[in-house]
Amino acid sequence: TWQQLARATGARFRIVELTGDGRIDLEHLRASLSLRTRVVALPHISNALGTINPIDEIVHIVRGHSPALLVLDGAQSAPHCPVDVEALGVDAFAFSGHKMLGPMGIGGVVVRRAILERMAPWQFGGDMIEWVHDEDSTWNSVPHRFEAGTPNAADAVGLAAAVRYLEQIGVARAFAHEQALAALADEKLAALDGVTRYGPVAAHRAGIVSFTLEAAHPHDLATILDQHGVCVRAGHHCTQPLMRRLGVSATARASFHVYSSAADVDALVGALVAAQALFAEEGVS
């Protein structure tokens, strides 16, 4: 999205590099900023590596070096860890509903009111107008200005139910549970020959373990794991530039949530051992 916006406006699009352990290179971020920087966009938590980005430090760096808007992708953080958007200090925070155990096709964006008041609507239809004249129109107040047409009421109700469900469980409690499982999985995968893990240490990572198996492409590996009752996502995870940075075409990714347990970690490890044996046999034949 940002790449295409830059092309449409003639802006320069830059990607900040990563450190060797899959974290944002803060020195490169600092060096990339200038008074001409207009937007700095980043994920709160990486969907591919699980990296928890140090938002407080990043906000401090950006505010001290540029007038840029700070846009945070919270799709991976809103469902998994406590989020105080005001305390984050960013200008916009976006999240999706289906990652919060809610319906597909709905999400939310929190934007500073001063920014919204200056913005014109990008969709037009019922309820987003104040007055319609023959030659021009005026716009409704925020947030109605940005909610044209018939609202997606059914999915909004479903998303609200998902939020209440997560709040009842306790988001902080859920996050601690996911991190513990990811740390356990990372430890057990480290003991397997031919398995390469990607991303930072457990303290800087959410409930995600991304890995490859030397003997198999991640897509083939995912098929074998599926036959053993283990579901992982395999591919480039919509992060092809990251895959190029890692030097791989794809990874397999195990994700943990409130419904996961240590038994699931054992099932993953057992299925990986079985997959290794299978590919070893095929290699011999």
C-alpha atoms as a PDB file:
ATOM      1  CA  THR A   1       0.000   0.000   0.000  1.00  0.00           C
ATOM      2  CA  TRP A   2       2.704   2.503   0.943  1.00  0.00           C
ATOM      3  CA  GLN A   3       4.779   1.514  -2.069  1.00  0.00           C
ATOM      4  CA  GLN A   4       1.882   2.247  -4.404  1.00  0.00           C
ATOM      5  CA  LEU A   5       1.039   5.508  -2.652  1.00  0.00           C
ATOM      6  CA  ALA A   6       4.640   6.631  -3.115  1.00  0.00           C
ATOM      7  CA  ARG A   7       4.486   5.793  -6.818  1.00  0.00           C
ATOM      8  CA  ALA A   8       1.218   7.687  -7.227  1.00  0.00           C
ATOM      9  CA  THR A   9       2.504  10.821  -5.491  1.00  0.00           C
ATOM     10  CA  GLY A  10       6.119  10.788  -6.646  1.00  0.00           C
ATOM     11  CA  ALA A  11       7.391  10.242  -3.110  1.00  0.00           C
ATOM     12  CA  ARG A  12      10.456   8.156  -2.337  1.00  0.00           C
ATOM     13  CA  PHE A  13       9.744   4.823  -0.664  1.00  0.00           C
ATOM     14  CA  ARG A  14      12.404   3.438   1.676  1.00  0.00           C
ATOM     15  CA  ILE A  15      12.641   0.235   3.695  1.00  0.00           C
ATOM     16  CA  VAL A  16      14.461   0.224   7.015  1.00  0.00           C
ATOM     17  CA  GLU A  17      16.832  -2.716   7.404  1.00  0.00           C
ATOM     18  CA  LEU A  18      16.759  -5.411  10.061  1.00  0.00           C
ATOM     19  CA  THR A  19      19.379  -6.608  12.484  1.00  0.00           C
ATOM     20  CA  GLY A  20      20.656 -10.174  12.209  1.00  0.00           C
ATOM     21  CA  ASP A  21      18.060 -11.423  14.692  1.00  0.00           C
ATOM     22  CA  GLY A  22      15.090  -9.935  12.829  1.00  0.00           C
ATOM     23  CA  ARG A  23      14.610  -6.677  14.739  1.00  0.00           C
ATOM     24  CA  ILE A  24      14.345  -3.164  13.310  1.00  0.00           C
ATOM     25  CA  ASP A  25      17.765  -1.570  12.898  1.00  0.00           C
ATOM     26  CA  LEU A  26      17.159   1.580  14.917  1.00  0.00           C
ATOM     27  CA  GLU A  27      20.329   3.249  13.696  1.00  0.00           C
ATOM     28  CA  HIS A  28      19.264   2.745  10.086  1.00  0.00           C
ATOM     29  CA  LEU A  29      15.828   4.094  10.971  1.00  0.00           C
ATOM     30  CA  ARG A  30      17.410   7.201  12.474  1.00  0.00           C
ATOM     31  CA  ALA A  31      19.623   7.680   9.433  1.00  0.00           C
ATOM     32  CA  SER A  32      16.643   7.266   7.068  1.00  0.00           C
ATOM     33  CA  LEU A  33      14.662  10.118   8.588  1.00  0.00           C
ATOM     34  CA  SER A  34      14.717  13.749   7.500  1.00  0.00           C
ATOM     35  CA  LEU A  35      12.520  16.823   7.563  1.00  0.00           C
ATOM     36  CA  ARG A  36      11.085  15.597   4.248  1.00  0.00           C
ATOM     37  CA  THR A  37       9.872  12.276   5.696  1.00  0.00           C
ATOM     38  CA  ARG A  38       6.076  12.224   5.590  1.00  0.00           C
ATOM     39  CA  VAL A  39       5.048   8.783   6.877  1.00  0.00           C
ATOM     40  CA  VAL A  40       6.733   6.112   8.962  1.00  0.00           C
ATOM     41  CA  ALA A  41       4.739   2.868   8.867  1.00  0.00           C
ATOM     42  CA  LEU A  42       5.584  -0.330  10.711  1.00  0.00           C
ATOM     43  CA  PRO A  43       3.987  -3.338  12.390  1.00  0.00           C
ATOM     44  CA  HIS A  44       3.568  -3.426  16.144  1.00  0.00           C
ATOM     45  CA  ILE A  45       4.358  -7.157  15.971  1.00  0.00           C
ATOM     46  CA  SER A  46       5.725  -8.946  12.899  1.00  0.00           C
ATOM     47  CA  ASN A  47       3.321 -11.512  11.478  1.00  0.00           C
ATOM     48  CA  ALA A  48       6.230 -13.471   9.961  1.00  0.00           C
ATOM     49  CA  LEU A  49       8.776 -13.488  12.795  1.00  0.00           C
ATOM     50  CA  GLY A  50       6.746 -12.483  15.836  1.00  0.00           C
ATOM     51  CA  THR A  51       9.170  -9.636  16.572  1.00  0.00           C
ATOM     52  CA  ILE A  52       7.769  -7.160  19.111  1.00  0.00           C
ATOM     53  CA  ASN A  53       8.974  -3.784  17.935  1.00  0.00           C
ATOM     54  CA  PRO A  54      10.104  -1.245  20.580  1.00  0.00           C
ATOM     55  CA  ILE A  55       7.449   1.349  19.815  1.00  0.00           C
ATOM     56  CA  ASP A  56       8.406   3.749  22.629  1.00  0.00           C
ATOM     57  CA  GLU A  57      11.956   3.996  21.318  1.00  0.00           C
ATOM     58  CA  ILE A  58      10.830   4.236  17.690  1.00  0.00           C
ATOM     59  CA  VAL A  59       8.357   7.026  18.490  1.00  0.00           C
ATOM     60  CA  HIS A  60      11.126   8.921  20.292  1.00  0.00           C
ATOM     61  CA  ILE A  61      13.479   8.563  17.316  1.00  0.00           C
ATOM     62  CA  VAL A  62      10.876   9.588  14.728  1.00  0.00           C
ATOM     63  CA  ARG A  63       9.561  12.574  16.703  1.00  0.00           C
ATOM     64  CA  GLY A  64      13.097  13.815  17.193  1.00  0.00           C
ATOM     65  CA  HIS A  65      14.136  13.645  13.545  1.00  0.00           C
ATOM     66  CA  SER A  66      11.100  14.285  11.333  1.00  0.00           C
ATOM     67  CA  PRO A  67       7.537  15.624  11.166  1.00  0.00           C
ATOM     68  CA  ALA A  68       6.309  12.273   9.816  1.00  0.00           C
ATOM     69  CA  LEU A  69       3.008  10.665  10.640  1.00  0.00           C
ATOM     70  CA  LEU A  70       3.541   7.416  12.565  1.00  0.00           C
ATOM     71  CA  VAL A  71       1.231   4.637  11.387  1.00  0.00           C
ATOM     72  CA  LEU A  72       1.189   1.380  13.332  1.00  0.00           C
ATOM     73  CA  ASP A  73      -0.162  -1.928  12.021  1.00  0.00           C
ATOM     74  CA  GLY A  74      -1.719  -3.533  15.075  1.00  0.00           C
ATOM     75  CA  ALA A  75      -3.190  -6.595  13.352  1.00  0.00           C
ATOM     76  CA  GLN A  76      -0.895  -8.898  15.340  1.00  0.00           C
ATOM     77  CA  SER A  77      -0.871  -6.975  18.617  1.00  0.00           C
ATOM     78  CA  ALA A  78      -4.526  -6.046  19.231  1.00  0.00           C
ATOM     79  CA  PRO A  79      -5.595  -9.725  19.493  1.00  0.00           C
ATOM     80  CA  HIS A  80      -2.626 -10.864  21.543  1.00  0.00           C
ATOM     81  CA  CYS A  81      -1.324  -8.275  23.986  1.00  0.00           C
ATOM     82  CA  PRO A  82      -2.598  -5.293  25.992  1.00  0.00           C
ATOM     83  CA  VAL A  83      -2.695  -2.184  23.788  1.00  0.00           C
ATOM     84  CA  ASP A  84      -3.150   1.408  24.967  1.00  0.00           C
ATOM     85  CA  VAL A  85      -3.263   3.394  21.734  1.00  0.00           C
ATOM     86  CA  GLU A  86      -3.022   6.742  23.521  1.00  0.00           C
ATOM     87  CA  ALA A  87       0.061   5.616  25.429  1.00  0.00           C
ATOM     88  CA  LEU A  88       1.738   4.346  22.245  1.00  0.00           C
ATOM     89  CA  GLY A  89       2.012   7.899  20.983  1.00  0.00           C
ATOM     90  CA  VAL A  90       1.401   7.045  17.320  1.00  0.00           C
ATOM     91  CA  ASP A  91      -0.829   8.937  14.896  1.00  0.00           C
ATOM     92  CA  ALA A  92      -2.796   5.960  13.570  1.00  0.00           C
ATOM     93  CA  PHE A  93      -3.323   2.388  14.745  1.00  0.00           C
ATOM     94  CA  ALA A  94      -5.054  -0.170  12.501  1.00  0.00           C
ATOM     95  CA  PHE A  95      -6.252  -3.677  13.319  1.00  0.00           C
ATOM     96  CA  SER A  96      -8.280  -6.464  11.730  1.00  0.00           C
ATOM     97  CA  GLY A  97     -11.240  -8.337  13.162  1.00  0.00           C
ATOM     98  CA  HIS A  98     -10.592 -11.913  12.083  1.00  0.00           C
ATOM     99  CA  LYS A  99      -7.253 -12.055  13.900  1.00  0.00           C
ATOM    100  CA  MET A 100      -9.155 -11.174  17.086  1.00  0.00           C
ATOM    101  CA  LEU A 101     -11.347 -14.286  16.698  1.00  0.00           C
ATOM    102  CA  GLY A 102     -14.024 -12.128  15.071  1.00  0.00           C
ATOM    103  CA  PRO A 103     -15.624 -12.074  11.604  1.00  0.00           C
ATOM    104  CA  MET A 104     -13.686 -11.572   8.398  1.00  0.00           C
ATOM    105  CA  GLY A 105     -14.050  -8.343   6.472  1.00  0.00           C
ATOM    106  CA  ILE A 106     -14.081  -5.920   9.393  1.00  0.00           C
ATOM    107  CA  GLY A 107     -11.424  -4.055  11.311  1.00  0.00           C
ATOM    108  CA  GLY A 108     -10.734  -0.698  12.847  1.00  0.00           C
ATOM    109  CA  VAL A 109      -8.433   2.264  12.712  1.00  0.00           C
ATOM    110  CA  VAL A 110      -7.763   4.738  15.510  1.00  0.00           C
ATOM    111  CA  VAL A 111      -6.484   8.105  14.262  1.00  0.00           C
ATOM    112  CA  ARG A 112      -5.725  11.288  16.156  1.00  0.00           C
ATOM    113  CA  ARG A 113      -8.817  13.487  15.969  1.00  0.00           C
ATOM    114  CA  ALA A 114      -6.851  16.537  14.812  1.00  0.00           C
ATOM    115  CA  ILE A 115      -5.736  14.562  11.758  1.00  0.00           C
ATOM    116  CA  LEU A 116      -9.225  13.262  11.016  1.00  0.00           C
ATOM    117  CA  GLU A 117     -10.700  16.763  11.253  1.00  0.00           C
ATOM    118  CA  ARG A 118      -8.355  17.873   8.449  1.00  0.00           C
ATOM    119  CA  MET A 119      -9.102  14.885   6.216  1.00  0.00           C
ATOM    120  CA  ALA A 120     -11.610  14.746   3.408  1.00  0.00           C
ATOM    121  CA  PRO A 121     -13.654  11.542   2.980  1.00  0.00           C
ATOM    122  CA  TRP A 122     -12.451   8.972   0.443  1.00  0.00           C
ATOM    123  CA  GLN A 123     -15.851   7.268   0.051  1.00  0.00           C
ATOM    124  CA  PHE A 124     -19.161   8.952  -0.630  1.00  0.00           C
ATOM    125  CA  GLY A 125     -22.687   7.873   0.255  1.00  0.00           C
ATOM    126  CA  GLY A 126     -25.362   8.048   2.906  1.00  0.00           C
ATOM    127  CA  ASP A 127     -24.655   9.526   6.350  1.00  0.00           C
ATOM    128  CA  MET A 128     -21.241  10.996   5.559  1.00  0.00           C
ATOM    129  CA  ILE A 129     -22.673  14.321   4.414  1.00  0.00           C
ATOM    130  CA  GLU A 130     -23.795  17.405   6.315  1.00  0.00           C
ATOM    131  CA  TRP A 131     -25.390  19.374   3.468  1.00  0.00           C
ATOM    132  CA  VAL A 132     -25.693  18.552  -0.220  1.00  0.00           C
ATOM    133  CA  HIS A 133     -26.088  21.560  -2.497  1.00  0.00           C
ATOM    134  CA  ASP A 134     -26.448  21.597  -6.258  1.00  0.00           C
ATOM    135  CA  GLU A 135     -22.772  22.330  -6.883  1.00  0.00           C
ATOM    136  CA  ASP A 136     -20.975  21.238  -3.725  1.00  0.00           C
ATOM    137  CA  SER A 137     -21.409  19.496  -0.393  1.00  0.00           C
ATOM    138  CA  THR A 138     -20.188  19.689   3.196  1.00  0.00           C
ATOM    139  CA  TRP A 139     -19.186  16.727   5.322  1.00  0.00           C
ATOM    140  CA  ASN A 140     -20.518  15.227   8.510  1.00  0.00           C
ATOM    141  CA  SER A 141     -18.548  15.284  11.740  1.00  0.00           C
ATOM    142  CA  VAL A 142     -15.942  12.664  12.648  1.00  0.00           C
ATOM    143  CA  PRO A 143     -16.269   9.647  12.622  1.00  0.00           C
ATOM    144  CA  HIS A 144     -19.456   9.689  10.485  1.00  0.00           C
ATOM    145  CA  ARG A 145     -17.572  11.451   7.694  1.00  0.00           C
ATOM    146  CA  PHE A 146     -15.638   8.245   7.041  1.00  0.00           C
ATOM    147  CA  GLU A 147     -18.517   5.758   7.269  1.00  0.00           C
ATOM    148  CA  ALA A 148     -20.334   6.083   3.970  1.00  0.00           C
ATOM    149  CA  GLY A 149     -23.366   4.004   3.129  1.00  0.00           C
ATOM    150  CA  THR A 150     -25.000   1.171   5.021  1.00  0.00           C
ATOM    151  CA  PRO A 151     -22.786   0.148   7.961  1.00  0.00           C
ATOM    152  CA  ASN A 152     -21.481  -3.397   8.297  1.00  0.00           C
ATOM    153  CA  ALA A 153     -23.579  -3.853  11.426  1.00  0.00           C
ATOM    154  CA  ALA A 154     -23.545  -7.654  11.616  1.00  0.00           C
ATOM    155  CA  ASP A 155     -19.762  -7.914  11.568  1.00  0.00           C
ATOM    156  CA  ALA A 156     -19.473  -5.038  14.041  1.00  0.00           C
ATOM    157  CA  VAL A 157     -21.638  -6.986  16.480  1.00  0.00           C
ATOM    158  CA  GLY A 158     -19.509 -10.083  15.898  1.00  0.00           C
ATOM    159  CA  LEU A 159     -16.265  -8.145  16.441  1.00  0.00           C
ATOM    160  CA  ALA A 160     -17.617  -6.640  19.659  1.00  0.00           C
ATOM    161  CA  ALA A 161     -18.424 -10.151  20.914  1.00  0.00           C
ATOM    162  CA  ALA A 162     -14.877 -11.293  20.094  1.00  0.00           C
ATOM    163  CA  VAL A 163     -13.420  -8.317  21.978  1.00  0.00           C
ATOM    164  CA  ARG A 164     -15.550  -9.105  25.035  1.00  0.00           C
ATOM    165  CA  TYR A 165     -14.438 -12.752  24.873  1.00  0.00           C
ATOM    166  CA  LEU A 166     -10.749 -11.787  24.839  1.00  0.00           C
ATOM    167  CA  GLU A 167     -11.278  -9.296  27.648  1.00  0.00           C
ATOM    168  CA  GLN A 168     -12.942 -11.976  29.764  1.00  0.00           C
ATOM    169  CA  ILE A 169      -9.944 -14.255  29.288  1.00  0.00           C
ATOM    170  CA  GLY A 170      -7.566 -11.381  30.004  1.00  0.00           C
ATOM    171  CA  VAL A 171      -5.335 -10.177  27.160  1.00  0.00           C
ATOM    172  CA  ALA A 172      -2.232  -9.941  29.360  1.00  0.00           C
ATOM    173  CA  ARG A 173      -2.821 -13.484  30.582  1.00  0.00           C
ATOM    174  CA  ALA A 174      -3.317 -14.722  27.018  1.00  0.00           C
ATOM    175  CA  PHE A 175      -0.131 -13.002  25.858  1.00  0.00           C
ATOM    176  CA  ALA A 176       1.954 -14.566  28.631  1.00  0.00           C
ATOM    177  CA  HIS A 177       0.521 -17.975  27.706  1.00  0.00           C
ATOM    178  CA  GLU A 178       1.384 -17.531  24.008  1.00  0.00           C
ATOM    179  CA  GLN A 179       4.899 -16.315  24.722  1.00  0.00           C
ATOM    180  CA  ALA A 180       5.563 -19.269  27.021  1.00  0.00           C
ATOM    181  CA  LEU A 181       4.437 -21.722  24.343  1.00  0.00           C
ATOM    182  CA  ALA A 182       6.532 -20.004  21.672  1.00  0.00           C
ATOM    183  CA  ALA A 183       9.591 -20.134  23.930  1.00  0.00           C
ATOM    184  CA  LEU A 184       8.968 -23.831  24.572  1.00  0.00           C
ATOM    185  CA  ALA A 185       8.575 -24.537  20.855  1.00  0.00           C
ATOM    186  CA  ASP A 186      11.695 -22.548  20.015  1.00  0.00           C
ATOM    187  CA  GLU A 187      13.687 -24.518  22.593  1.00  0.00           C
ATOM    188  CA  LYS A 188      12.480 -27.870  21.295  1.00  0.00           C
ATOM    189  CA  LEU A 189      12.984 -26.964  17.646  1.00  0.00           C
ATOM    190  CA  ALA A 190      16.533 -25.854  18.454  1.00  0.00           C
ATOM    191  CA  ALA A 191      17.286 -29.439  19.463  1.00  0.00           C
ATOM    192  CA  LEU A 192      16.287 -30.833  16.051  1.00  0.00           C
ATOM    193  CA  ASP A 193      18.907 -31.264  13.345  1.00  0.00           C
ATOM    194  CA  GLY A 194      18.208 -29.512  10.058  1.00  0.00           C
ATOM    195  CA  VAL A 195      15.761 -26.996  11.535  1.00  0.00           C
ATOM    196  CA  THR A 196      16.542 -23.281  11.208  1.00  0.00           C
ATOM    197  CA  ARG A 197      14.575 -20.817  13.327  1.00  0.00           C
ATOM    198  CA  TYR A 198      14.094 -17.158  12.434  1.00  0.00           C
ATOM    199  CA  GLY A 199      13.462 -14.130  14.588  1.00  0.00           C
ATOM    200  CA  PRO A 200      14.633 -12.715  17.913  1.00  0.00           C
ATOM    201  CA  VAL A 201      14.907 -14.411  21.287  1.00  0.00           C
ATOM    202  CA  ALA A 202      11.708 -15.245  23.132  1.00  0.00           C
ATOM    203  CA  ALA A 203      11.743 -12.076  25.248  1.00  0.00           C
ATOM    204  CA  HIS A 204      11.339  -9.939  22.115  1.00  0.00           C
ATOM    205  CA  ARG A 205       8.861 -12.180  20.303  1.00  0.00           C
ATOM    206  CA  ALA A 206       5.147 -12.892  20.450  1.00  0.00           C
ATOM    207  CA  GLY A 207       3.559 -16.341  20.146  1.00  0.00           C
ATOM    208  CA  ILE A 208       5.048 -17.163  16.737  1.00  0.00           C
ATOM    209  CA  VAL A 209       7.852 -19.512  15.706  1.00  0.00           C
ATOM    210  CA  SER A 210       8.996 -19.274  12.085  1.00  0.00           C
ATOM    211  CA  PHE A 211      11.302 -21.978  10.773  1.00  0.00           C
ATOM    212  CA  THR A 212      12.507 -24.052   7.830  1.00  0.00           C
ATOM    213  CA  LEU A 213      13.468 -27.704   7.519  1.00  0.00           C
ATOM    214  CA  GLU A 214      16.603 -28.314   5.498  1.00  0.00           C
ATOM    215  CA  ALA A 215      15.202 -31.385   3.764  1.00  0.00           C
ATOM    216  CA  ALA A 216      11.932 -29.886   2.479  1.00  0.00           C
ATOM    217  CA  HIS A 217      10.250 -26.828   1.037  1.00  0.00           C
ATOM    218  CA  PRO A 218       7.888 -25.242   3.597  1.00  0.00           C
ATOM    219  CA  HIS A 219       4.849 -26.035   1.431  1.00  0.00           C
ATOM    220  CA  ASP A 220       5.769 -29.740   1.329  1.00  0.00           C
ATOM    221  CA  LEU A 221       6.529 -29.670   5.031  1.00  0.00           C
ATOM    222  CA  ALA A 222       3.133 -28.122   5.805  1.00  0.00           C
ATOM    223  CA  THR A 223       1.422 -30.916   3.871  1.00  0.00           C
ATOM    224  CA  ILE A 224       3.228 -33.591   5.892  1.00  0.00           C
ATOM    225  CA  LEU A 225       2.509 -31.827   9.186  1.00  0.00           C
ATOM    226  CA  ASP A 226      -1.147 -31.558   8.211  1.00  0.00           C
ATOM    227  CA  GLN A 227      -1.262 -35.328   7.777  1.00  0.00           C
ATOM    228  CA  HIS A 228      -0.105 -35.578  11.400  1.00  0.00           C
ATOM    229  CA  GLY A 229      -2.812 -33.219  12.629  1.00  0.00           C
ATOM    230  CA  VAL A 230      -0.569 -30.164  12.917  1.00  0.00           C
ATOM    231  CA  CYS A 231      -1.559 -26.959  11.126  1.00  0.00           C
ATOM    232  CA  VAL A 232       1.114 -24.400  10.235  1.00  0.00           C
ATOM    233  CA  ARG A 233       1.151 -21.634   7.677  1.00  0.00           C
ATOM    234  CA  ALA A 234       3.757 -21.961   4.939  1.00  0.00           C
ATOM    235  CA  GLY A 235       4.832 -19.400   2.374  1.00  0.00           C
ATOM    236  CA  HIS A 236       6.168 -15.869   2.293  1.00  0.00           C
ATOM    237  CA  HIS A 237       3.477 -14.602   4.713  1.00  0.00           C
ATOM    238  CA  CYS A 238       2.853 -11.509   2.560  1.00  0.00           C
ATOM    239  CA  THR A 239       6.420 -10.424   3.407  1.00  0.00           C
ATOM    240  CA  GLN A 240       8.466 -11.186   0.303  1.00  0.00           C
ATOM    241  CA  PRO A 241      11.048  -8.433   1.005  1.00  0.00           C
ATOM    242  CA  LEU A 242      11.628 -10.015   4.423  1.00  0.00           C
ATOM    243  CA  MET A 243      12.060 -13.458   2.876  1.00  0.00           C
ATOM    244  CA  ARG A 244      14.693 -12.029   0.531  1.00  0.00           C
ATOM    245  CA  ARG A 245      16.418 -10.462   3.526  1.00  0.00           C
ATOM    246  CA  LEU A 246      16.439 -13.866   5.259  1.00  0.00           C
ATOM    247  CA  GLY A 247      17.731 -15.586   2.128  1.00  0.00           C
ATOM    248  CA  VAL A 248      14.804 -17.999   1.824  1.00  0.00           C
ATOM    249  CA  SER A 249      11.805 -18.281  -0.483  1.00  0.00           C
ATOM    250  CA  ALA A 250       9.415 -19.149   2.337  1.00  0.00           C
ATOM    251  CA  THR A 251       9.151 -20.348   5.915  1.00  0.00           C
ATOM    252  CA  ALA A 252       6.779 -22.464   7.953  1.00  0.00           C
ATOM    253  CA  ARG A 253       5.152 -20.670  10.862  1.00  0.00           C
ATOM    254  CA  ALA A 254       3.615 -22.091  14.013  1.00  0.00           C
ATOM    255  CA  SER A 255       1.260 -19.666  15.763  1.00  0.00           C
ATOM    256  CA  PHE A 256      -0.072 -19.983  19.294  1.00  0.00           C
ATOM    257  CA  HIS A 257      -3.162 -18.468  20.872  1.00  0.00           C
ATOM    258  CA  VAL A 258      -5.450 -18.946  23.858  1.00  0.00           C
ATOM    259  CA  TYR A 259      -6.577 -22.377  22.647  1.00  0.00           C
ATOM    260  CA  SER A 260      -3.024 -23.761  22.267  1.00  0.00           C
ATOM    261  CA  SER A 261      -1.220 -25.922  24.814  1.00  0.00           C
ATOM    262  CA  ALA A 262       2.118 -27.592  25.522  1.00  0.00           C
ATOM    263  CA  ALA A 263       0.648 -30.734  23.976  1.00  0.00           C
ATOM    264  CA  ASP A 264       0.400 -28.838  20.678  1.00  0.00           C
ATOM    265  CA  VAL A 265       4.116 -28.052  20.892  1.00  0.00           C
ATOM    266  CA  ASP A 266       4.871 -31.744  21.437  1.00  0.00           C
ATOM    267  CA  ALA A 267       2.645 -32.612  18.472  1.00  0.00           C
ATOM    268  CA  LEU A 268       4.568 -30.140  16.282  1.00  0.00           C
ATOM    269  CA  VAL A 269       7.926 -31.579  17.311  1.00  0.00           C
ATOM    270  CA  GLY A 270       6.729 -35.140  16.796  1.00  0.00           C
ATOM    271  CA  ALA A 271       5.373 -34.309  13.346  1.00  0.00           C
ATOM    272  CA  LEU A 272       8.649 -32.620  12.394  1.00  0.00           C
ATOM    273  CA  VAL A 273      10.607 -35.714  13.428  1.00  0.00           C
ATOM    274  CA  ALA A 274       8.262 -37.835  11.319  1.00  0.00           C
ATOM    275  CA  ALA A 275       8.674 -35.444   8.375  1.00  0.00           C
ATOM    276  CA  GLN A 276      12.455 -35.627   8.661  1.00  0.00           C
ATOM    277  CA  ALA A 277      12.305 -39.428   8.590  1.00  0.00           C
ATOM    278  CA  LEU A 278      10.015 -39.382   5.557  1.00  0.00           C
ATOM    279  CA  PHE A 279      12.168 -36.999   3.548  1.00  0.00           C
ATOM    280  CA  ALA A 280      15.295 -38.911   4.564  1.00  0.00           C
ATOM    281  CA  GLU A 281      13.756 -42.123   3.180  1.00  0.00           C
ATOM    282  CA  GLU A 282      12.833 -40.390  -0.078  1.00  0.00           C
ATOM    283  CA  GLY A 283      16.345 -39.020  -0.328  1.00  0.00           C
ATOM    284  CA  VAL A 284      17.811 -42.527   0.044  1.00  0.00           C
ATOM    285  CA  SER A 285      15.471 -44.050  -2.522  1.00  0.00           C
END
